[in-house]
Amino acid sequence: MSRENDYRVAVAVAHPERAAQLTRTAVDVARDAGGEVLVLSVVVTQRQSPFALFEDEVIKRQFGGERREILDNAVETAGGAVPVRGQLLVAYDVSRALVHAVVEFDCDALVVGWHERQRTSEVVLGSNVDRLVRSAPCDVLVEKLGAEADGVESVLVPVAEGPHATLATEVARAIAVANDARVELLRVVGHGDDRATAEQLLTEMAAIARPATVETRVERGDVADAVVEAADDHDVTVMGTTRHSIIRRRLVGTVSQSVGRRSDSTVILARRPTGVRPRVTKRIHEVL
């Protein structure tokens, strides 16, 4: 697959009811960067299954009909806004297949869905999504779809420091510009924190969020509670994950996880890797 654009967003689709929205997010991000979209769907096989005897192309042709239909519908959702292609994958491990595809196709970002599960578990977002957040060598956007909405009028960004917050602001800008929506940047601080420092950070992030219409606000109080309350007044909330991913329960950060679970609106968790980019990784593999 030749690289026609300098920026490529992959989006993983599996469920018909969520594929269109995830693809629209990928399209918004790609359009903001002047890039293209690669829609991915995985035909899952069992490691010890008789399917292992077949070539991948045979499996796609004989058993990939449902996945192909989802893939085709997602590609159609793009509506010509950006160049878009579909790729059907065959694998027994979904997360491994997607990470491999990110590297193979030189993707700069990956959009995946998060479906809330009502159970207690050490798994934060779902086993496949957890592994992708931890392992994918590109920007990762994990989207939990909220209540059905006619469109996007406002996007909330709870502002922190670090590369993940910058990515969240860039994503918010992309969504806002595509939908003629406004962006609200919210900084929640403790009672002993310096307000001037918070306002300076908001000023820096506002520069990233433009040319979208930007509003800024500083609040004092509990971060999770304040963000959940604010999220209810917006169509989409985009927030960065934690800097740390060594401890599993803090993979996406206690605040971002809490907001994702408690808010009824669409929430996108953004993670920017600190290691090498995917195309660099691919070059290393080719040399080795």
Protein backbone atom coordinates (compact mmCIF):
# COMPACT_ATOMS: atom_id res chain seq x y z
CA MET A 1 0.00 0.00 0.00
CA SER A 2 1.67 3.19 -1.14
CA ARG A 3 1.62 6.23 1.10
CA GLU A 4 -0.15 9.06 -0.74
CA ASN A 5 -0.57 11.39 2.23
CA ASP A 6 1.79 12.49 4.96
CA TYR A 7 -0.74 11.67 7.70
CA ARG A 8 -2.84 8.52 8.05
CA VAL A 9 -5.53 7.71 10.62
CA ALA A 10 -6.53 4.08 11.12
CA VAL A 11 -9.94 3.28 12.60
CA ALA A 12 -10.88 -0.18 13.86
CA VAL A 13 -14.53 -1.13 13.25
CA ALA A 14 -16.29 -4.22 14.53
CA HIS A 15 -19.85 -3.32 15.58
CA PRO A 16 -22.30 -1.91 13.00
CA GLU A 17 -23.91 0.48 15.50
CA ARG A 18 -20.58 2.14 16.33
CA ALA A 19 -18.62 1.94 13.09
CA ALA A 20 -20.06 5.10 11.51
CA GLN A 21 -19.32 7.38 14.48
CA LEU A 22 -15.78 6.06 14.93
CA THR A 23 -15.15 6.58 11.22
CA ARG A 24 -16.47 10.16 11.40
CA THR A 25 -14.02 10.90 14.21
CA ALA A 26 -11.17 9.45 12.15
CA VAL A 27 -12.26 11.55 9.16
CA ASP A 28 -12.34 14.75 11.23
CA VAL A 29 -8.83 14.11 12.55
CA ALA A 30 -7.47 13.18 9.12
CA ARG A 31 -9.04 16.20 7.44
CA ASP A 32 -7.56 18.54 10.06
CA ALA A 33 -4.10 17.15 9.24
CA GLY A 34 -4.61 16.96 5.47
CA GLY A 35 -4.38 13.18 5.63
CA GLU A 36 -6.30 10.02 4.84
CA VAL A 37 -8.22 7.27 6.64
CA LEU A 38 -7.60 3.53 6.72
CA VAL A 39 -10.61 1.55 7.95
CA LEU A 40 -9.63 -1.78 9.54
CA SER A 41 -11.78 -4.75 10.52
CA VAL A 42 -10.54 -8.07 11.85
CA VAL A 43 -11.90 -11.54 11.03
CA VAL A 44 -11.09 -13.43 14.23
CA THR A 45 -9.96 -17.06 14.06
CA GLN A 46 -9.12 -19.47 16.85
CA ARG A 47 -5.45 -20.36 17.28
CA GLN A 48 -6.16 -24.11 17.11
CA SER A 49 -9.03 -23.78 14.64
CA PRO A 50 -9.21 -25.71 11.34
CA PHE A 51 -9.34 -22.22 9.77
CA ALA A 52 -5.57 -22.10 10.34
CA LEU A 53 -5.24 -24.46 7.38
CA PHE A 54 -6.71 -21.87 5.00
CA GLU A 55 -4.95 -18.93 3.43
CA ASP A 56 -6.04 -15.52 4.70
CA GLU A 57 -7.62 -14.60 1.38
CA VAL A 58 -9.74 -17.76 1.49
CA ILE A 59 -10.90 -16.95 5.03
CA LYS A 60 -11.80 -13.39 4.00
CA ARG A 61 -13.75 -14.63 0.98
CA GLN A 62 -15.56 -17.50 2.69
CA PHE A 63 -16.09 -16.23 6.23
CA GLY A 64 -15.56 -12.47 6.17
CA GLY A 65 -18.92 -11.42 4.73
CA GLU A 66 -20.24 -9.71 7.87
CA ARG A 67 -16.95 -7.92 8.55
CA ARG A 68 -16.72 -6.88 4.89
CA GLU A 69 -20.20 -5.34 5.05
CA ILE A 70 -19.28 -3.36 8.18
CA LEU A 71 -16.05 -2.28 6.53
CA ASP A 72 -17.77 -1.16 3.32
CA ASN A 73 -20.43 0.81 5.24
CA ALA A 74 -17.73 2.54 7.29
CA VAL A 75 -15.79 3.49 4.17
CA GLU A 76 -19.00 4.91 2.66
CA THR A 77 -19.49 7.03 5.81
CA ALA A 78 -16.42 9.08 4.90
CA GLY A 79 -18.41 10.50 2.00
CA GLY A 80 -15.37 11.64 0.05
CA ALA A 81 -14.30 14.16 2.73
CA VAL A 82 -10.82 12.60 2.75
CA PRO A 83 -9.18 9.73 0.88
CA VAL A 84 -10.32 6.50 2.57
CA ARG A 85 -9.48 2.84 2.11
CA GLY A 86 -10.63 -0.36 3.76
CA GLN A 87 -8.52 -3.31 4.86
CA LEU A 88 -9.83 -6.65 6.12
CA LEU A 89 -7.44 -8.46 8.47
CA VAL A 90 -7.36 -12.10 9.61
CA ALA A 91 -5.95 -12.89 13.05
CA TYR A 92 -6.59 -14.76 16.29
CA ASP A 93 -5.49 -11.75 18.37
CA VAL A 94 -7.30 -8.49 17.54
CA SER A 95 -4.99 -6.10 19.35
CA ARG A 96 -1.86 -7.69 17.91
CA ALA A 97 -3.33 -7.51 14.40
CA LEU A 98 -4.16 -3.83 14.79
CA VAL A 99 -0.73 -2.94 16.17
CA HIS A 100 0.87 -4.80 13.27
CA ALA A 101 -1.37 -2.93 10.82
CA VAL A 102 -0.46 0.43 12.36
CA VAL A 103 3.19 -0.33 11.72
CA GLU A 104 2.70 -1.97 8.33
CA PHE A 105 0.63 0.90 6.92
CA ASP A 106 2.59 3.74 8.57
CA CYS A 107 -0.38 5.05 10.57
CA ASP A 108 0.01 8.14 12.72
CA ALA A 109 -3.16 7.63 14.76
CA LEU A 110 -5.58 4.84 15.64
CA VAL A 111 -9.24 5.31 16.60
CA VAL A 112 -10.93 2.49 18.53
CA GLY A 113 -14.22 2.13 20.35
CA TRP A 114 -14.81 1.50 24.02
CA HIS A 115 -18.02 -0.23 25.09
CA GLU A 116 -18.80 0.16 28.79
CA ARG A 117 -19.07 -3.15 30.65
CA GLN A 118 -21.01 -3.28 33.89
CA ARG A 119 -18.63 -5.47 35.84
CA THR A 120 -15.70 -5.18 38.19
CA SER A 121 -12.41 -6.17 36.63
CA GLU A 122 -8.75 -5.31 36.47
CA VAL A 123 -9.39 -4.65 32.79
CA VAL A 124 -9.76 -0.89 32.47
CA LEU A 125 -11.34 -0.43 29.03
CA GLY A 126 -11.49 -3.97 27.67
CA SER A 127 -8.58 -6.33 27.13
CA ASN A 128 -8.01 -5.47 23.45
CA VAL A 129 -8.28 -1.72 23.99
CA ASP A 130 -6.04 -1.84 27.05
CA ARG A 131 -3.32 -3.55 25.02
CA LEU A 132 -3.69 -1.05 22.20
CA VAL A 133 -3.39 1.92 24.54
CA ARG A 134 -0.29 0.38 26.03
CA SER A 135 1.38 -0.95 22.88
CA ALA A 136 0.36 0.92 19.72
CA PRO A 137 3.30 3.04 18.49
CA CYS A 138 1.05 5.91 17.40
CA ASP A 139 -1.52 8.32 18.79
CA VAL A 140 -4.48 6.34 20.15
CA LEU A 141 -8.01 7.72 20.50
CA VAL A 142 -10.42 5.60 22.52
CA GLU A 143 -14.01 6.71 21.97
CA LYS A 144 -16.99 5.86 24.15
CA LEU A 145 -20.15 6.79 22.33
CA GLY A 146 -22.72 8.72 24.33
CA ALA A 147 -26.38 9.41 23.70
CA GLU A 148 -27.40 9.85 20.07
CA ALA A 149 -27.08 13.47 18.96
CA ASP A 150 -28.04 15.35 15.80
CA GLY A 151 -24.62 16.96 15.59
CA VAL A 152 -21.76 18.47 17.54
CA GLU A 153 -22.18 22.01 18.85
CA SER A 154 -19.54 22.05 21.61
CA VAL A 155 -16.46 20.10 22.62
CA LEU A 156 -15.01 20.06 26.13
CA VAL A 157 -11.29 19.62 26.81
CA PRO A 158 -10.29 19.21 30.47
CA VAL A 159 -6.77 20.61 30.29
CA ALA A 160 -3.75 19.07 31.99
CA GLU A 161 -0.06 19.24 31.17
CA GLY A 162 1.91 17.00 28.84
CA PRO A 163 1.73 15.49 25.34
CA HIS A 164 -1.60 13.72 25.91
CA ALA A 165 -3.34 17.03 26.69
CA THR A 166 -1.87 18.57 23.54
CA LEU A 167 -3.22 15.66 21.49
CA ALA A 168 -6.64 16.01 23.14
CA THR A 169 -6.72 19.69 22.17
CA GLU A 170 -5.71 18.90 18.59
CA VAL A 171 -8.49 16.32 18.33
CA ALA A 172 -11.02 18.74 19.80
CA ARG A 173 -9.97 21.33 17.22
CA ALA A 174 -10.43 18.83 14.40
CA ILE A 175 -13.93 17.86 15.56
CA ALA A 176 -14.96 21.47 16.22
CA VAL A 177 -13.78 22.81 12.87
CA ALA A 178 -15.46 19.97 10.97
CA ASN A 179 -18.77 20.58 12.77
CA ASP A 180 -18.62 24.37 13.14
CA ALA A 181 -18.62 23.84 16.92
CA ARG A 182 -16.96 25.67 19.79
CA VAL A 183 -14.25 24.34 22.11
CA GLU A 184 -14.28 24.92 25.86
CA LEU A 185 -10.95 24.47 27.63
CA LEU A 186 -11.43 23.72 31.33
CA ARG A 187 -8.66 23.70 33.93
CA VAL A 188 -9.63 22.36 37.37
CA VAL A 189 -7.24 23.28 40.18
CA GLY A 190 -7.01 22.67 43.91
CA HIS A 191 -7.73 25.40 46.42
CA GLY A 192 -4.02 25.99 47.00
CA ASP A 193 -3.00 26.05 43.33
CA ASP A 194 -1.99 29.20 41.47
CA ARG A 195 -4.76 30.50 39.19
CA ALA A 196 -2.32 32.49 37.05
CA THR A 197 -0.41 29.33 36.15
CA ALA A 198 -3.67 27.63 35.17
CA GLU A 199 -4.68 30.58 32.98
CA GLN A 200 -1.28 30.55 31.26
CA LEU A 201 -1.71 26.86 30.40
CA LEU A 202 -5.16 27.58 28.99
CA THR A 203 -3.73 30.37 26.86
CA GLU A 204 -1.17 27.97 25.39
CA MET A 205 -3.82 25.33 24.65
CA ALA A 206 -6.19 27.93 23.16
CA ALA A 207 -3.54 28.71 20.54
CA ILE A 208 -3.54 25.01 19.57
CA ALA A 209 -7.34 24.83 19.47
CA ARG A 210 -7.74 27.70 17.00
CA PRO A 211 -9.11 28.39 14.42
CA ALA A 212 -12.05 26.86 16.26
CA THR A 213 -14.01 29.22 18.50
CA VAL A 214 -12.43 28.83 21.95
CA GLU A 215 -13.66 29.56 25.47
CA THR A 216 -11.53 29.06 28.59
CA ARG A 217 -12.47 28.52 32.22
CA VAL A 218 -10.66 27.84 35.50
CA GLU A 219 -12.50 26.06 38.32
CA ARG A 220 -11.49 24.99 41.80
CA GLY A 221 -12.58 21.66 43.23
CA ASP A 222 -12.44 17.92 42.63
CA VAL A 223 -11.23 17.27 39.09
CA ALA A 224 -13.40 14.25 38.25
CA ASP A 225 -16.59 15.74 39.68
CA ALA A 226 -16.04 19.07 37.92
CA VAL A 227 -15.30 17.45 34.57
CA VAL A 228 -18.29 15.08 34.71
CA GLU A 229 -20.59 17.99 35.51
CA ALA A 230 -19.13 20.07 32.67
CA ALA A 231 -19.25 17.17 30.21
CA ASP A 232 -23.03 16.99 30.54
CA ASP A 233 -23.20 20.44 28.88
CA HIS A 234 -21.20 19.37 25.83
CA ASP A 235 -21.65 16.89 23.00
CA VAL A 236 -18.09 15.52 23.12
CA THR A 237 -15.40 15.50 25.81
CA VAL A 238 -11.79 14.91 24.75
CA MET A 239 -9.18 14.36 27.43
CA GLY A 240 -5.64 13.09 27.66
CA THR A 241 -4.71 9.94 29.54
CA THR A 242 -2.19 9.69 32.35
CA ARG A 243 1.55 10.00 31.73
CA HIS A 244 2.09 6.67 33.50
CA SER A 245 1.05 3.23 32.25
CA ILE A 246 3.17 0.88 34.34
CA ILE A 247 0.44 0.23 36.91
CA ARG A 248 -2.44 -1.33 35.07
CA ARG A 249 -5.20 0.36 37.04
CA ARG A 250 -3.70 3.72 36.06
CA LEU A 251 -3.41 2.87 32.39
CA VAL A 252 -5.71 5.70 31.37
CA GLY A 253 -5.61 7.63 34.64
CA THR A 254 -8.13 7.66 37.45
CA VAL A 255 -9.75 10.94 36.35
CA SER A 256 -10.14 10.11 32.66
CA GLN A 257 -11.41 6.62 33.49
CA SER A 258 -13.92 8.04 35.96
CA VAL A 259 -15.19 10.62 33.50
CA GLY A 260 -15.50 8.00 30.78
CA ARG A 261 -17.62 5.79 33.03
CA ARG A 262 -19.76 8.51 34.62
CA SER A 263 -20.49 10.83 31.73
CA ASP A 264 -23.46 10.21 29.43
CA SER A 265 -21.91 12.20 26.58
CA THR A 266 -19.37 10.96 24.06
CA VAL A 267 -15.91 10.76 25.63
CA ILE A 268 -12.64 10.40 23.73
CA LEU A 269 -9.50 9.44 25.64
CA ALA A 270 -6.32 10.51 23.87
CA ARG A 271 -2.87 8.98 24.34
CA ARG A 272 0.30 10.11 22.58
CA PRO A 273 3.24 7.67 22.69
CA THR A 274 6.60 8.82 23.94
CA GLY A 275 8.61 6.29 21.90
CA VAL A 276 9.39 6.02 18.20
CA ARG A 277 6.74 6.63 15.58
CA PRO A 278 5.30 3.66 13.62
CA ARG A 279 7.09 4.34 10.34
CA VAL A 280 10.40 4.48 12.23
CA THR A 281 9.54 1.13 13.82
CA LYS A 282 8.77 -0.30 10.38
CA ARG A 283 12.12 0.85 9.01
CA ILE A 284 13.87 -0.83 11.94
CA HIS A 285 12.03 -4.07 11.22
CA GLU A 286 12.98 -3.87 7.54
CA VAL A 287 16.66 -3.38 8.39
CA LEU A 288 16.64 -6.26 10.86
